[in-house]
PDB file of N, CA and C in Angstrom:
ATOM      1  N   MET A   1     -28.465 -39.134  19.106  1.00  0.00           N
ATOM      2  CA  MET A   1     -28.913 -38.335  17.992  1.00  0.00           C
ATOM      3  C   MET A   1     -29.017 -39.224  16.773  1.00  0.00           C
ATOM      4  N   SER A   2     -30.127 -39.151  16.089  1.00  0.00           N
ATOM      5  CA  SER A   2     -30.338 -40.018  14.932  1.00  0.00           C
ATOM      6  C   SER A   2     -29.563 -39.490  13.725  1.00  0.00           C
ATOM      7  N   GLU A   3     -29.260 -40.393  12.845  1.00  0.00           N
ATOM      8  CA  GLU A   3     -28.534 -40.007  11.636  1.00  0.00           C
ATOM      9  C   GLU A   3     -29.465 -39.246  10.696  1.00  0.00           C
ATOM     10  N   LEU A   4     -28.890 -38.371   9.916  1.00  0.00           N
ATOM     11  CA  LEU A   4     -29.675 -37.622   8.943  1.00  0.00           C
ATOM     12  C   LEU A   4     -30.039 -38.538   7.783  1.00  0.00           C
ATOM     13  N   ASP A   5     -31.245 -38.410   7.288  1.00  0.00           N
ATOM     14  CA  ASP A   5     -31.591 -39.237   6.139  1.00  0.00           C
ATOM     15  C   ASP A   5     -30.882 -38.701   4.897  1.00  0.00           C
ATOM     16  N   ALA A   6     -30.819 -39.511   3.865  1.00  0.00           N
ATOM     17  CA  ALA A   6     -30.037 -39.190   2.662  1.00  0.00           C
ATOM     18  C   ALA A   6     -30.533 -37.912   1.995  1.00  0.00           C
ATOM     19  N   ARG A   7     -31.824 -37.690   1.966  1.00  0.00           N
ATOM     20  CA  ARG A   7     -32.360 -36.501   1.308  1.00  0.00           C
ATOM     21  C   ARG A   7     -31.929 -35.229   2.035  1.00  0.00           C
ATOM     22  N   LEU A   8     -31.946 -35.259   3.362  1.00  0.00           N
ATOM     23  CA  LEU A   8     -31.533 -34.087   4.137  1.00  0.00           C
ATOM     24  C   LEU A   8     -30.031 -33.845   3.981  1.00  0.00           C
ATOM     25  N   ARG A   9     -29.240 -34.902   3.968  1.00  0.00           N
ATOM     26  CA  ARG A   9     -27.797 -34.749   3.744  1.00  0.00           C
ATOM     27  C   ARG A   9     -27.517 -34.145   2.382  1.00  0.00           C
ATOM     28  N   ASP A  10     -28.237 -34.613   1.352  1.00  0.00           N
ATOM     29  CA  ASP A  10     -28.053 -34.058   0.010  1.00  0.00           C
ATOM     30  C   ASP A  10     -28.421 -32.581  -0.031  1.00  0.00           C
ATOM     31  N   GLU A  11     -29.479 -32.207   0.646  1.00  0.00           N
ATOM     32  CA  GLU A  11     -29.896 -30.806   0.684  1.00  0.00           C
ATOM     33  C   GLU A  11     -28.838 -29.938   1.372  1.00  0.00           C
ATOM     34  N   ILE A  12     -28.296 -30.438   2.471  1.00  0.00           N
ATOM     35  CA  ILE A  12     -27.242 -29.700   3.185  1.00  0.00           C
ATOM     36  C   ILE A  12     -26.006 -29.585   2.303  1.00  0.00           C
ATOM     37  N   ASP A  13     -25.624 -30.662   1.643  1.00  0.00           N
ATOM     38  CA  ASP A  13     -24.469 -30.630   0.741  1.00  0.00           C
ATOM     39  C   ASP A  13     -24.675 -29.611  -0.371  1.00  0.00           C
ATOM     40  N   ASP A  14     -25.880 -29.580  -0.939  1.00  0.00           N
ATOM     41  CA  ASP A  14     -26.168 -28.621  -2.008  1.00  0.00           C
ATOM     42  C   ASP A  14     -26.055 -27.186  -1.505  1.00  0.00           C
ATOM     43  N   GLN A  15     -26.581 -26.922  -0.326  1.00  0.00           N
ATOM     44  CA  GLN A  15     -26.524 -25.563   0.217  1.00  0.00           C
ATOM     45  C   GLN A  15     -25.094 -25.143   0.530  1.00  0.00           C
ATOM     46  N   VAL A  16     -24.315 -26.069   1.060  1.00  0.00           N
ATOM     47  CA  VAL A  16     -22.908 -25.756   1.351  1.00  0.00           C
ATOM     48  C   VAL A  16     -22.160 -25.485   0.051  1.00  0.00           C
ATOM     49  N   ALA A  17     -22.407 -26.294  -0.969  1.00  0.00           N
ATOM     50  CA  ALA A  17     -21.742 -26.100  -2.259  1.00  0.00           C
ATOM     51  C   ALA A  17     -22.133 -24.755  -2.874  1.00  0.00           C
ATOM     52  N   GLU A  18     -23.406 -24.388  -2.802  1.00  0.00           N
ATOM     53  CA  GLU A  18     -23.844 -23.107  -3.342  1.00  0.00           C
ATOM     54  C   GLU A  18     -23.215 -21.945  -2.584  1.00  0.00           C
ATOM     55  N   ALA A  19     -23.130 -22.058  -1.279  1.00  0.00           N
ATOM     56  CA  ALA A  19     -22.522 -20.988  -0.479  1.00  0.00           C
ATOM     57  C   ALA A  19     -21.038 -20.852  -0.806  1.00  0.00           C
ATOM     58  N   LEU A  20     -20.352 -21.978  -0.971  1.00  0.00           N
ATOM     59  CA  LEU A  20     -18.935 -21.945  -1.312  1.00  0.00           C
ATOM     60  C   LEU A  20     -18.727 -21.348  -2.698  1.00  0.00           C
ATOM     61  N   ASP A  21     -19.562 -21.727  -3.657  1.00  0.00           N
ATOM     62  CA  ASP A  21     -19.464 -21.151  -4.997  1.00  0.00           C
ATOM     63  C   ASP A  21     -19.680 -19.653  -4.969  1.00  0.00           C
ATOM     64  N   ALA A  22     -20.663 -19.193  -4.224  1.00  0.00           N
ATOM     65  CA  ALA A  22     -20.939 -17.761  -4.133  1.00  0.00           C
ATOM     66  C   ALA A  22     -19.769 -17.025  -3.484  1.00  0.00           C
ATOM     67  N   TYR A  23     -19.196 -17.609  -2.449  1.00  0.00           N
ATOM     68  CA  TYR A  23     -18.060 -16.985  -1.774  1.00  0.00           C
ATOM     69  C   TYR A  23     -16.867 -16.864  -2.716  1.00  0.00           C
ATOM     70  N   LEU A  24     -16.574 -17.947  -3.422  1.00  0.00           N
ATOM     71  CA  LEU A  24     -15.425 -17.928  -4.331  1.00  0.00           C
ATOM     72  C   LEU A  24     -15.653 -16.965  -5.491  1.00  0.00           C
ATOM     73  N   ALA A  25     -16.868 -16.907  -6.004  1.00  0.00           N
ATOM     74  CA  ALA A  25     -17.164 -15.973  -7.096  1.00  0.00           C
ATOM     75  C   ALA A  25     -17.000 -14.533  -6.628  1.00  0.00           C
ATOM     76  N   GLU A  26     -17.457 -14.230  -5.414  1.00  0.00           N
ATOM     77  CA  GLU A  26     -17.316 -12.871  -4.886  1.00  0.00           C
ATOM     78  C   GLU A  26     -15.856 -12.546  -4.624  1.00  0.00           C
ATOM     79  N   ARG A  27     -15.128 -13.494  -4.113  1.00  0.00           N
ATOM     80  CA  ARG A  27     -13.727 -13.256  -3.774  1.00  0.00           C
ATOM     81  C   ARG A  27     -12.890 -12.958  -5.015  1.00  0.00           C
ATOM     82  N   TRP A  28     -13.159 -13.650  -6.113  1.00  0.00           N
ATOM     83  CA  TRP A  28     -12.342 -13.474  -7.307  1.00  0.00           C
ATOM     84  C   TRP A  28     -12.808 -12.323  -8.184  1.00  0.00           C
ATOM     85  N   THR A  29     -14.009 -11.810  -7.984  1.00  0.00           N
ATOM     86  CA  THR A  29     -14.474 -10.719  -8.841  1.00  0.00           C
ATOM     87  C   THR A  29     -14.197  -9.353  -8.237  1.00  0.00           C
ATOM     88  N   ARG A  30     -14.109  -9.250  -6.951  1.00  0.00           N
ATOM     89  CA  ARG A  30     -13.842  -7.931  -6.369  1.00  0.00           C
ATOM     90  C   ARG A  30     -12.324  -7.687  -6.355  1.00  0.00           C
ATOM     91  N   PRO A  31     -11.927  -6.463  -6.551  1.00  0.00           N
ATOM     92  CA  PRO A  31     -10.488  -6.181  -6.554  1.00  0.00           C
ATOM     93  C   PRO A  31      -9.889  -6.371  -5.159  1.00  0.00           C
ATOM     94  N   ARG A  32      -8.760  -7.005  -5.157  1.00  0.00           N
ATOM     95  CA  ARG A  32      -8.086  -7.225  -3.878  1.00  0.00           C
ATOM     96  C   ARG A  32      -7.016  -6.158  -3.673  1.00  0.00           C
ATOM     97  N   PRO A  33      -6.950  -5.576  -2.505  1.00  0.00           N
ATOM     98  CA  PRO A  33      -5.992  -4.482  -2.271  1.00  0.00           C
ATOM     99  C   PRO A  33      -4.590  -4.996  -1.955  1.00  0.00           C
ATOM    100  N   THR A  34      -3.991  -5.743  -2.876  1.00  0.00           N
ATOM    101  CA  THR A  34      -2.644  -6.257  -2.630  1.00  0.00           C
ATOM    102  C   THR A  34      -1.578  -5.406  -3.304  1.00  0.00           C
ATOM    103  N   TRP A  35      -1.999  -4.421  -4.125  1.00  0.00           N
ATOM    104  CA  TRP A  35      -0.990  -3.640  -4.827  1.00  0.00           C
ATOM    105  C   TRP A  35      -0.073  -2.861  -3.895  1.00  0.00           C
ATOM    106  N   PRO A  36      -0.518  -2.380  -2.733  1.00  0.00           N
ATOM    107  CA  PRO A  36       0.452  -1.684  -1.861  1.00  0.00           C
ATOM    108  C   PRO A  36       1.575  -2.608  -1.390  1.00  0.00           C
ATOM    109  N   LEU A  37       1.239  -3.850  -1.146  1.00  0.00           N
ATOM    110  CA  LEU A  37       2.271  -4.806  -0.728  1.00  0.00           C
ATOM    111  C   LEU A  37       3.284  -5.021  -1.834  1.00  0.00           C
ATOM    112  N   TRP A  38       2.787  -5.235  -3.064  1.00  0.00           N
ATOM    113  CA  TRP A  38       3.700  -5.440  -4.186  1.00  0.00           C
ATOM    114  C   TRP A  38       4.530  -4.199  -4.458  1.00  0.00           C
ATOM    115  N   LEU A  39       3.936  -3.041  -4.314  1.00  0.00           N
ATOM    116  CA  LEU A  39       4.686  -1.799  -4.502  1.00  0.00           C
ATOM    117  C   LEU A  39       5.809  -1.684  -3.473  1.00  0.00           C
ATOM    118  N   ALA A  40       5.518  -2.029  -2.240  1.00  0.00           N
ATOM    119  CA  ALA A  40       6.546  -1.994  -1.192  1.00  0.00           C
ATOM    120  C   ALA A  40       7.663  -2.993  -1.487  1.00  0.00           C
ATOM    121  N   ILE A  41       7.318  -4.158  -1.976  1.00  0.00           N
ATOM    122  CA  ILE A  41       8.338  -5.163  -2.313  1.00  0.00           C
ATOM    123  C   ILE A  41       9.227  -4.671  -3.449  1.00  0.00           C
ATOM    124  N   VAL A  42       8.606  -4.103  -4.467  1.00  0.00           N
ATOM    125  CA  VAL A  42       9.381  -3.597  -5.606  1.00  0.00           C
ATOM    126  C   VAL A  42      10.293  -2.461  -5.172  1.00  0.00           C
ATOM    127  N   LEU A  43       9.766  -1.533  -4.394  1.00  0.00           N
ATOM    128  CA  LEU A  43      10.600  -0.410  -3.937  1.00  0.00           C
ATOM    129  C   LEU A  43      11.750  -0.882  -3.057  1.00  0.00           C
ATOM    130  N   THR A  44      11.497  -1.863  -2.227  1.00  0.00           N
ATOM    131  CA  THR A  44      12.566  -2.414  -1.386  1.00  0.00           C
ATOM    132  C   THR A  44      13.643  -3.060  -2.248  1.00  0.00           C
ATOM    133  N   ASN A  45      13.229  -3.812  -3.255  1.00  0.00           N
ATOM    134  CA  ASN A  45      14.205  -4.457  -4.137  1.00  0.00           C
ATOM    135  C   ASN A  45      15.019  -3.433  -4.920  1.00  0.00           C
ATOM    136  N   VAL A  46      14.359  -2.390  -5.410  1.00  0.00           N
ATOM    137  CA  VAL A  46      15.075  -1.349  -6.144  1.00  0.00           C
ATOM    138  C   VAL A  46      16.064  -0.642  -5.226  1.00  0.00           C
ATOM    139  N   ALA A  47      15.639  -0.303  -4.025  1.00  0.00           N
ATOM    140  CA  ALA A  47      16.543   0.354  -3.074  1.00  0.00           C
ATOM    141  C   ALA A  47      17.727  -0.549  -2.734  1.00  0.00           C
ATOM    142  N   TRP A  48      17.475  -1.836  -2.552  1.00  0.00           N
ATOM    143  CA  TRP A  48      18.551  -2.776  -2.231  1.00  0.00           C
ATOM    144  C   TRP A  48      19.538  -2.861  -3.392  1.00  0.00           C
ATOM    145  N   LEU A  49      19.016  -2.905  -4.618  1.00  0.00           N
ATOM    146  CA  LEU A  49      19.907  -2.946  -5.775  1.00  0.00           C
ATOM    147  C   LEU A  49      20.735  -1.680  -5.876  1.00  0.00           C
ATOM    148  N   LEU A  50      20.137  -0.532  -5.628  1.00  0.00           N
ATOM    149  CA  LEU A  50      20.876   0.724  -5.696  1.00  0.00           C
ATOM    150  C   LEU A  50      21.970   0.793  -4.636  1.00  0.00           C
ATOM    151  N   VAL A  51      21.680   0.327  -3.446  1.00  0.00           N
ATOM    152  CA  VAL A  51      22.654   0.379  -2.349  1.00  0.00           C
ATOM    153  C   VAL A  51      23.796  -0.596  -2.600  1.00  0.00           C
ATOM    154  N   THR A  52      23.499  -1.766  -3.086  1.00  0.00           N
ATOM    155  CA  THR A  52      24.539  -2.787  -3.233  1.00  0.00           C
ATOM    156  C   THR A  52      25.374  -2.591  -4.492  1.00  0.00           C
ATOM    157  N   THR A  53      24.867  -1.888  -5.498  1.00  0.00           N
ATOM    158  CA  THR A  53      25.638  -1.714  -6.733  1.00  0.00           C
ATOM    159  C   THR A  53      26.439  -0.428  -6.743  1.00  0.00           C
ATOM    160  N   THR A  54      26.203   0.480  -5.821  1.00  0.00           N
ATOM    161  CA  THR A  54      26.973   1.735  -5.822  1.00  0.00           C
ATOM    162  C   THR A  54      27.961   1.780  -4.709  1.00  0.00           C
TER     163      THR A  54
END
């Protein structure tokens, strides 16, 4: 298999970079449903504190 010429490699690199930028922008702008996990952690900690202090 022949090596890719420099222009084709640059084009592929540009497309990969654009796809990665788009993915990261979408990932950070949409709300992530992690609040149930944090709520469970907080409730567990509160329950543990109540049990151990009384």
